[in-house]
Protein backbone atom coordinates (compact mmCIF):
# COMPACT_ATOMS: atom_id res chain seq x y z
CA MET A 1 50.12 -39.63 7.32
CA VAL A 2 46.71 -39.55 5.69
CA ARG A 3 45.66 -42.50 7.81
CA ASP A 4 46.66 -40.67 10.99
CA ILE A 5 44.67 -37.58 9.96
CA ILE A 6 41.63 -39.74 9.26
CA LEU A 7 41.98 -41.42 12.64
CA ILE A 8 42.28 -38.04 14.40
CA ILE A 9 39.15 -36.79 12.67
CA LEU A 10 37.24 -39.97 13.52
CA TYR A 11 38.26 -39.85 17.21
CA ALA A 12 37.36 -36.16 17.50
CA LEU A 13 34.07 -36.70 15.68
CA GLY A 14 33.16 -39.67 17.85
CA GLY A 15 33.81 -37.84 21.10
CA ALA A 16 31.94 -34.76 19.92
CA LEU A 17 28.95 -36.79 18.72
CA VAL A 18 28.60 -38.63 22.02
CA ALA A 19 28.75 -35.38 24.00
CA GLY A 20 26.39 -33.65 21.54
CA ALA A 21 23.85 -36.47 21.75
CA LEU A 22 23.87 -36.38 25.55
CA GLY A 23 23.54 -32.58 25.47
CA ALA A 24 20.62 -32.75 23.03
CA GLY A 25 18.81 -35.09 25.41
CA VAL A 26 19.38 -32.75 28.34
CA LEU A 27 18.28 -29.74 26.29
CA ARG A 28 15.07 -31.52 25.30
CA SER A 29 14.31 -32.35 28.93
CA VAL A 30 14.63 -28.67 30.00
CA ARG A 31 12.87 -27.13 26.97
CA HIS A 32 10.00 -25.92 29.17
CA ARG A 33 12.30 -24.15 31.63
CA SER A 34 13.51 -20.56 31.46
CA THR A 35 15.75 -19.15 28.76
CA ALA A 36 18.64 -18.96 31.24
CA VAL A 37 18.55 -22.72 31.79
CA SER A 38 18.39 -23.42 28.05
CA LEU A 39 21.33 -21.09 27.35
CA ALA A 40 23.34 -22.73 30.15
CA VAL A 41 22.67 -26.17 28.65
CA VAL A 42 23.63 -24.96 25.17
CA ALA A 43 26.86 -23.49 26.54
CA ALA A 44 27.63 -26.69 28.44
CA VAL A 45 26.97 -28.81 25.36
CA ALA A 46 29.22 -26.65 23.18
CA VAL A 47 32.07 -26.69 25.72
CA THR A 48 31.68 -30.40 26.50
CA THR A 49 31.63 -31.31 22.81
CA MET A 50 34.85 -29.43 22.19
CA LEU A 51 36.43 -30.91 25.32
CA ALA A 52 35.35 -34.48 24.47
CA GLY A 53 36.64 -34.24 20.91
CA THR A 54 40.01 -32.81 21.97
CA LEU A 55 40.59 -35.30 24.78
CA SER A 56 39.56 -38.23 22.58
CA VAL A 57 42.24 -37.30 20.08
CA ALA A 58 44.80 -36.67 22.85
CA TRP A 59 44.22 -40.05 24.48
CA ALA A 60 44.25 -41.83 21.13
CA MET A 61 47.65 -40.33 20.30
CA PHE A 62 49.17 -42.07 23.37
CA LEU A 63 50.85 -38.92 24.64
CA SER A 64 53.04 -39.03 27.70
CA GLU A 65 51.36 -38.46 31.04
CA HIS A 66 52.86 -34.97 31.29
CA ASP A 67 51.77 -33.94 27.80
CA LEU A 68 48.32 -35.44 28.30
CA PHE A 69 47.99 -33.52 31.60
CA VAL A 70 49.02 -30.26 29.95
CA VAL A 71 46.58 -30.72 27.09
CA THR A 72 43.81 -31.65 29.50
CA MET A 73 44.44 -28.60 31.73
CA VAL A 74 44.56 -26.21 28.78
CA VAL A 75 41.36 -27.56 27.33
CA ALA A 76 39.61 -27.64 30.72
CA THR A 77 40.65 -24.05 31.48
CA ALA A 78 39.40 -22.86 28.10
CA ALA A 79 36.17 -24.76 28.68
CA VAL A 80 35.61 -23.16 32.10
CA VAL A 81 36.30 -19.66 30.75
CA SER A 82 34.03 -20.23 27.74
CA PHE A 83 31.26 -21.56 29.95
CA ALA A 84 31.52 -18.60 32.34
CA VAL A 85 31.45 -16.05 29.50
CA THR A 86 28.46 -17.82 27.94
CA LEU A 87 26.56 -17.74 31.24
CA LEU A 88 27.21 -14.00 31.61
CA LEU A 89 25.97 -13.33 28.11
CA GLY A 90 22.98 -15.56 28.77
CA ARG A 91 22.09 -13.59 31.91
CA TRP A 92 22.24 -10.38 29.87
CA VAL A 93 19.86 -11.80 27.25
CA VAL A 94 17.51 -13.07 29.96
CA ALA A 95 17.51 -9.66 31.67
CA ARG A 96 16.58 -7.94 28.39
CA SER A 97 13.86 -10.54 27.82
CA GLN A 98 12.42 -10.00 31.30
CA ALA A 99 12.41 -6.22 30.79
CA LEU A 100 10.54 -6.69 27.52
CA THR A 101 8.04 -8.97 29.27
CA GLN A 102 7.35 -6.32 31.92
CA ALA A 103 6.88 -3.67 29.22
CA ALA A 104 4.50 -5.92 27.27
CA ARG A 105 2.46 -6.61 30.40
CA SER A 106 1.83 -2.88 30.87
CA PHE A 107 -0.07 -2.37 27.61
CA GLY A 108 -1.81 -5.72 27.95
CA GLU A 109 -3.40 -4.36 31.15
CA GLY A 110 -4.73 -1.26 29.39
CA GLY A 111 -1.63 0.93 29.27
CA THR A 112 0.72 1.96 26.50
CA PHE A 113 3.74 -0.08 25.49
CA ALA A 114 7.10 1.57 26.23
CA ALA A 115 10.18 -0.23 24.96
CA PRO A 116 12.93 -0.96 27.54
CA ALA A 117 15.61 1.71 27.74
CA GLU A 118 18.50 -0.72 27.22
CA ALA A 119 18.85 -2.27 23.79
CA GLY A 120 18.58 -6.03 23.43
CA THR A 121 19.42 -8.47 20.69
CA ALA A 122 18.25 -7.94 17.12
CA GLU A 123 15.39 -10.38 17.66
CA LEU A 124 14.27 -8.64 20.87
CA GLU A 125 14.48 -5.26 19.15
CA ALA A 126 12.31 -6.56 16.30
CA LEU A 127 9.82 -7.95 18.84
CA SER A 128 9.82 -4.62 20.67
CA ARG A 129 8.97 -2.75 17.46
CA GLU A 130 6.12 -5.14 16.69
CA LEU A 131 4.76 -4.75 20.22
CA ALA A 132 4.87 -0.96 19.85
CA ILE A 133 2.87 -1.18 16.62
CA THR A 134 0.39 -3.57 18.25
CA SER A 135 0.06 -1.23 21.24
CA ALA A 136 -0.76 1.72 18.98
CA LYS A 137 -3.39 -0.31 17.12
CA LEU A 138 -4.85 -1.55 20.40
CA ASN A 139 -5.13 2.02 21.73
CA GLU A 140 -6.89 3.09 18.53
CA SER A 141 -9.27 0.15 18.91
CA ARG A 142 -9.98 1.11 22.54
CA GLU A 143 -10.71 4.70 21.51
CA ARG A 144 -13.07 3.55 18.76
CA GLU A 145 -14.79 1.19 21.18
CA ARG A 146 -15.25 3.93 23.77
CA ALA A 147 -16.56 6.35 21.13
CA LEU A 148 -18.93 3.71 19.79
CA GLU A 149 -20.22 2.87 23.25
CA THR A 150 -20.77 6.56 24.00
CA SER A 151 -22.56 6.97 20.69
CA ARG A 152 -24.79 3.98 21.43
CA ARG A 153 -25.74 5.28 24.86
CA GLU A 154 -26.54 8.71 23.43
CA LEU A 155 -28.56 7.11 20.63
CA VAL A 156 -30.67 5.08 23.06
CA ALA A 157 -31.33 8.17 25.19
CA TRP A 158 -32.16 10.37 22.19
CA ILE A 159 -34.35 7.84 20.43
CA SER A 160 -36.25 7.17 23.67
CA HIS A 161 -36.94 10.88 23.98
CA ASP A 162 -37.82 11.30 20.30
CA LEU A 163 -40.27 8.40 20.39
CA ARG A 164 -41.86 9.28 23.71
CA THR A 165 -42.57 12.94 22.89
CA PRO A 166 -44.62 12.46 19.69
CA LEU A 167 -46.33 9.38 21.11
CA ALA A 168 -47.46 11.39 24.11
CA GLY A 169 -48.80 14.09 21.79
CA VAL A 170 -50.61 11.56 19.59
CA ARG A 171 -52.12 9.92 22.66
CA ALA A 172 -53.33 13.24 24.04
CA MET A 173 -54.91 14.24 20.71
CA ALA A 174 -56.52 10.83 20.31
CA GLU A 175 -58.02 11.08 23.80
CA ALA A 176 -59.31 14.58 23.06
CA LEU A 177 -60.95 13.33 19.85
CA GLU A 178 -62.39 10.34 21.67
CA ASP A 179 -63.87 12.52 24.42
CA GLY A 180 -65.20 15.03 21.88
CA VAL A 181 -63.33 17.98 23.42
CA ALA A 182 -61.00 18.71 20.50
CA PRO A 183 -61.53 22.36 19.45
CA ASP A 184 -60.46 21.63 15.84
CA PRO A 185 -60.80 17.91 15.02
CA ASP A 186 -59.50 18.31 11.46
CA ARG A 187 -56.32 19.95 12.68
CA TYR A 188 -55.86 17.16 15.23
CA TYR A 189 -56.25 14.52 12.51
CA ARG A 190 -53.67 16.27 10.36
CA GLN A 191 -51.26 16.56 13.29
CA ILE A 192 -51.70 12.90 14.19
CA ARG A 193 -50.91 11.94 10.60
CA THR A 194 -47.82 14.18 10.58
CA GLU A 195 -46.51 12.70 13.82
CA THR A 196 -47.25 9.18 12.60
CA GLU A 197 -45.25 9.77 9.40
CA ARG A 198 -42.41 11.21 11.44
CA LEU A 199 -42.37 8.15 13.71
CA ASN A 200 -42.55 5.86 10.69
CA ASN A 201 -39.53 7.60 9.14
CA MET A 202 -37.61 7.30 12.38
CA VAL A 203 -38.33 3.57 12.67
CA GLY A 204 -37.33 3.12 9.02
CA GLU A 205 -34.01 4.86 9.66
CA LEU A 206 -33.38 2.69 12.72
CA PHE A 207 -34.09 -0.43 10.68
CA GLU A 208 -31.78 0.72 7.89
CA LEU A 209 -29.01 1.54 10.34
CA SER A 210 -29.36 -1.83 12.07
CA ARG A 211 -29.01 -3.59 8.69
CA ILE A 212 -25.84 -1.61 7.97
CA HIS A 213 -24.27 -2.35 11.37
CA ALA A 214 -25.20 -6.02 11.11
CA GLY A 215 -23.66 -6.30 7.65
CA ALA A 216 -27.04 -7.34 6.25
CA LEU A 217 -27.30 -4.53 3.70
CA SER A 218 -27.95 -6.32 0.41
CA LEU A 219 -26.80 -4.31 -2.60
CA MET A 220 -27.85 -4.84 -6.21
CA PRO A 221 -25.37 -2.75 -8.21
CA THR A 222 -26.32 -1.63 -11.69
CA ARG A 223 -24.60 0.62 -14.18
CA ILE A 224 -26.05 4.11 -13.92
CA SER A 225 -25.04 7.61 -14.94
CA THR A 226 -24.32 10.19 -12.27
CA TYR A 227 -26.54 12.60 -14.22
CA ASP A 228 -29.56 10.33 -13.86
CA LEU A 229 -28.79 9.58 -10.23
CA VAL A 230 -28.53 13.25 -9.30
CA GLY A 231 -31.64 14.06 -11.33
CA GLU A 232 -33.73 11.58 -9.35
CA ALA A 233 -32.43 12.95 -6.06
CA LEU A 234 -33.21 16.54 -7.07
CA ALA A 235 -36.74 15.60 -8.11
CA SER A 236 -37.35 13.94 -4.73
CA VAL A 237 -36.47 17.10 -2.74
CA ASP A 238 -37.79 19.77 -5.10
CA ALA A 239 -41.04 20.23 -3.16
CA LEU A 240 -39.16 20.57 0.12
CA ALA A 241 -36.81 23.17 -1.38
CA GLN A 242 -39.78 25.25 -2.57
CA LYS A 243 -41.44 24.98 0.83
CA LEU A 244 -38.29 26.17 2.61
CA GLY A 245 -37.49 28.85 0.04
CA VAL A 246 -34.05 27.45 -0.82
CA ARG A 247 -32.66 27.34 -4.36
CA LEU A 248 -31.40 24.02 -5.73
CA VAL A 249 -28.56 24.17 -8.26
CA GLY A 250 -27.41 21.08 -10.14
CA ASP A 251 -25.85 22.35 -13.38
CA GLN A 252 -22.34 20.98 -12.71
CA VAL A 253 -23.13 17.29 -12.96
CA ALA A 254 -20.98 15.34 -15.42
CA HIS A 255 -22.22 12.24 -17.25
CA MET A 256 -20.11 9.43 -15.75
CA PRO A 257 -20.96 5.74 -15.32
CA ILE A 258 -20.85 4.19 -11.85
CA GLU A 259 -21.76 0.74 -10.53
CA VAL A 260 -24.08 1.32 -7.55
CA ASP A 261 -27.36 0.24 -6.05
CA GLY A 262 -29.59 2.98 -7.46
CA LYS A 263 -32.13 2.82 -4.64
CA GLU A 264 -29.59 2.99 -1.83
CA MET A 265 -27.49 5.68 -3.50
CA THR A 266 -30.58 7.79 -4.15
CA ARG A 267 -31.26 7.56 -0.42
CA VAL A 268 -27.72 8.80 0.24
CA LEU A 269 -28.22 11.89 -1.92
CA TYR A 270 -31.72 12.42 -0.52
CA ASN A 271 -30.36 12.43 3.04
CA LEU A 272 -27.57 14.84 2.12
CA LEU A 273 -29.90 17.18 0.25
CA THR A 274 -32.61 17.28 2.93
CA ASN A 275 -29.93 17.85 5.57
CA ALA A 276 -28.54 20.76 3.50
CA LEU A 277 -31.99 22.26 2.83
CA HIS A 278 -33.01 22.24 6.49
CA ARG A 279 -29.80 23.99 7.52
CA THR A 280 -29.63 26.56 4.76
CA PRO A 281 -31.50 29.82 5.49
CA MET A 282 -34.35 31.01 3.28
CA ASP A 283 -33.19 32.47 -0.05
CA GLY A 284 -29.99 30.46 0.34
CA THR A 285 -28.56 28.01 -2.21
CA VAL A 286 -27.77 24.31 -2.12
CA VAL A 287 -25.46 23.10 -4.88
CA ILE A 288 -25.03 19.49 -5.98
CA ALA A 289 -22.24 18.54 -8.38
CA ALA A 290 -20.48 15.47 -9.76
CA GLU A 291 -16.98 15.35 -11.18
CA PRO A 292 -14.28 12.77 -11.92
CA ARG A 293 -11.03 12.61 -9.98
CA ALA A 294 -7.58 11.47 -11.03
CA ASP A 295 -7.71 8.40 -8.73
CA ASP A 296 -10.45 6.72 -10.81
CA THR A 297 -13.22 7.89 -8.52
CA VAL A 298 -16.34 9.96 -9.06
CA VAL A 299 -17.10 12.58 -6.40
CA VAL A 300 -20.67 13.72 -5.84
CA SER A 301 -20.78 16.79 -3.59
CA VAL A 302 -23.54 18.71 -1.81
CA THR A 303 -22.69 22.26 -0.69
CA ASP A 304 -25.02 24.14 1.67
CA GLY A 305 -25.18 27.56 3.31
CA CYS A 306 -25.30 26.48 6.94
CA GLY A 307 -22.49 28.82 7.97
CA GLY A 308 -20.02 26.02 8.63
CA ILE A 309 -19.47 23.33 11.24
CA PRO A 310 -17.16 23.89 14.24
CA GLU A 311 -13.80 22.24 13.59
CA GLN A 312 -14.04 20.13 16.74
CA ASP A 313 -17.35 18.68 15.51
CA LEU A 314 -16.22 17.73 11.99
CA PRO A 315 -14.91 14.26 13.02
CA ARG A 316 -18.33 13.48 14.61
CA VAL A 317 -20.57 14.53 11.74
CA PHE A 318 -21.16 10.95 10.51
CA ASP A 319 -21.45 9.43 14.01
CA THR A 320 -24.71 7.77 14.94
CA GLY A 321 -26.96 10.20 16.81
CA TRP A 322 -24.94 13.35 16.04
CA ARG A 323 -27.17 16.30 15.18
CA GLY A 324 -24.96 19.37 15.43
CA THR A 325 -27.53 20.93 17.77
CA ALA A 326 -28.92 20.21 21.20
CA ALA A 327 -32.46 20.71 19.93
CA ARG A 328 -34.66 17.64 20.26
CA THR A 329 -37.08 18.81 17.57
CA PRO A 330 -36.74 19.07 13.81
CA PRO A 331 -34.60 20.00 11.96
CA GLY A 332 -32.46 18.21 14.52
CA GLY A 333 -34.00 14.92 13.41
CA ALA A 334 -32.99 11.60 14.92
CA GLY A 335 -29.33 12.05 14.01
CA LEU A 336 -29.31 8.91 11.86
CA GLY A 337 -29.32 10.27 8.32
CA LEU A 338 -25.60 10.97 7.98
CA ALA A 339 -24.69 7.72 9.74
CA ILE A 340 -26.78 5.90 7.12
CA VAL A 341 -25.00 7.88 4.39
CA ARG A 342 -21.60 6.72 5.59
CA GLY A 343 -22.73 3.10 5.98
CA ILE A 344 -24.20 2.88 2.47
CA VAL A 345 -21.23 4.65 0.85
CA GLU A 346 -18.70 2.39 2.59
CA ALA A 347 -20.74 -0.65 1.53
CA HIS A 348 -20.08 0.55 -2.05
CA ALA A 349 -16.32 0.66 -1.33
CA GLY A 350 -16.48 4.47 -1.27
CA ARG A 351 -15.92 7.14 1.35
CA ALA A 352 -17.95 10.03 2.72
CA THR A 353 -16.24 13.21 3.95
CA VAL A 354 -17.16 16.75 4.97
CA HIS A 355 -15.24 20.01 5.16
CA ASN A 356 -16.08 23.66 5.59
CA VAL A 357 -16.29 26.12 2.70
CA THR A 358 -17.21 29.79 2.54
CA ASN A 359 -20.48 30.34 4.46
CA GLY A 360 -21.25 26.62 4.62
CA CYS A 361 -19.92 23.10 4.33
CA ARG A 362 -19.50 20.55 1.58
CA PHE A 363 -20.33 16.85 1.88
CA GLU A 364 -18.49 14.67 -0.62
CA VAL A 365 -19.22 11.09 -1.61
CA ALA A 366 -16.38 9.40 -3.49
CA LEU A 367 -17.33 6.27 -5.46
CA PRO A 368 -15.26 4.00 -7.72
CA LYS A 369 -15.69 4.76 -11.39
CA ALA A 370 -17.33 1.96 -13.41
CA ALA A 371 -14.98 -0.03 -15.61
CA THR A 372 -15.18 0.85 -19.27
């Protein structure tokens, strides 16, 4: 009895292995064809393997011709039905795959991915979700690229205007001095020096911004107290505050250690303070403060009295070339100072933000707290 069972297993295994080996060869030869062909081959291999194993056992058992015919017909009928059902299911999978391909092609050509209405297999559903996430990221990237390109075009136009205007004035004054027709030579010399310093500052800002965008900003972090950092920034703008008649308040600065490049971070605070002073009316107040936050960051803030920034302009405040005014003369500036602020702060693994407060706005620079 045991011997018969072993023989049955061996015959069935032999027939199935032969059919499976032939099917594997066929499947390998059509691996570059469509999914429908591969599924048809897999179905045929499965049915043929079952059929070969069953018939091998039936023939080995030396059944009567009638019994062998019955067994063969039953197995063949089951094989045909199984193969037909497998082909139908395969066509359904292929249809879902083709629908997903069409949907993926839409966002690859610049559109937005929309998943097919009919659900597919679990794998196709997972692929559809990943494509939706990729489509959203791609759209965000396109928006950033368009905004950056617009900002670059505006910057080129604005800088060209800002360079050409003072250069034309300097040239005219130089020609007047050269021809001896200047009514007040001393005033012309002073004006030429003023315009030259303005141009020099503009070129310096362009150079700094180009280093930031190129990733060539070299930082030399040192441990420094926020109190000392803010003190240096206040000293650098004190004369400007007196000239403009704006009060500087810095009595809410906590002593906290941070690891920053002192020179670059002083420039950040200088840019924020000069921006606040120019936009705060005479007899107004500019407040600078520093305080710790619960997320292990130190926030240095500059609050001005500019009257606030329109809500639609808040996302653009740190964009290159944004000035908040259509004026092409100071205090409009070149529109690079706040872009430099964001670049330097992000190079320190921090973040720069702005929001409106009563009668003004507050710029905040969040920096990681130094390890104790």
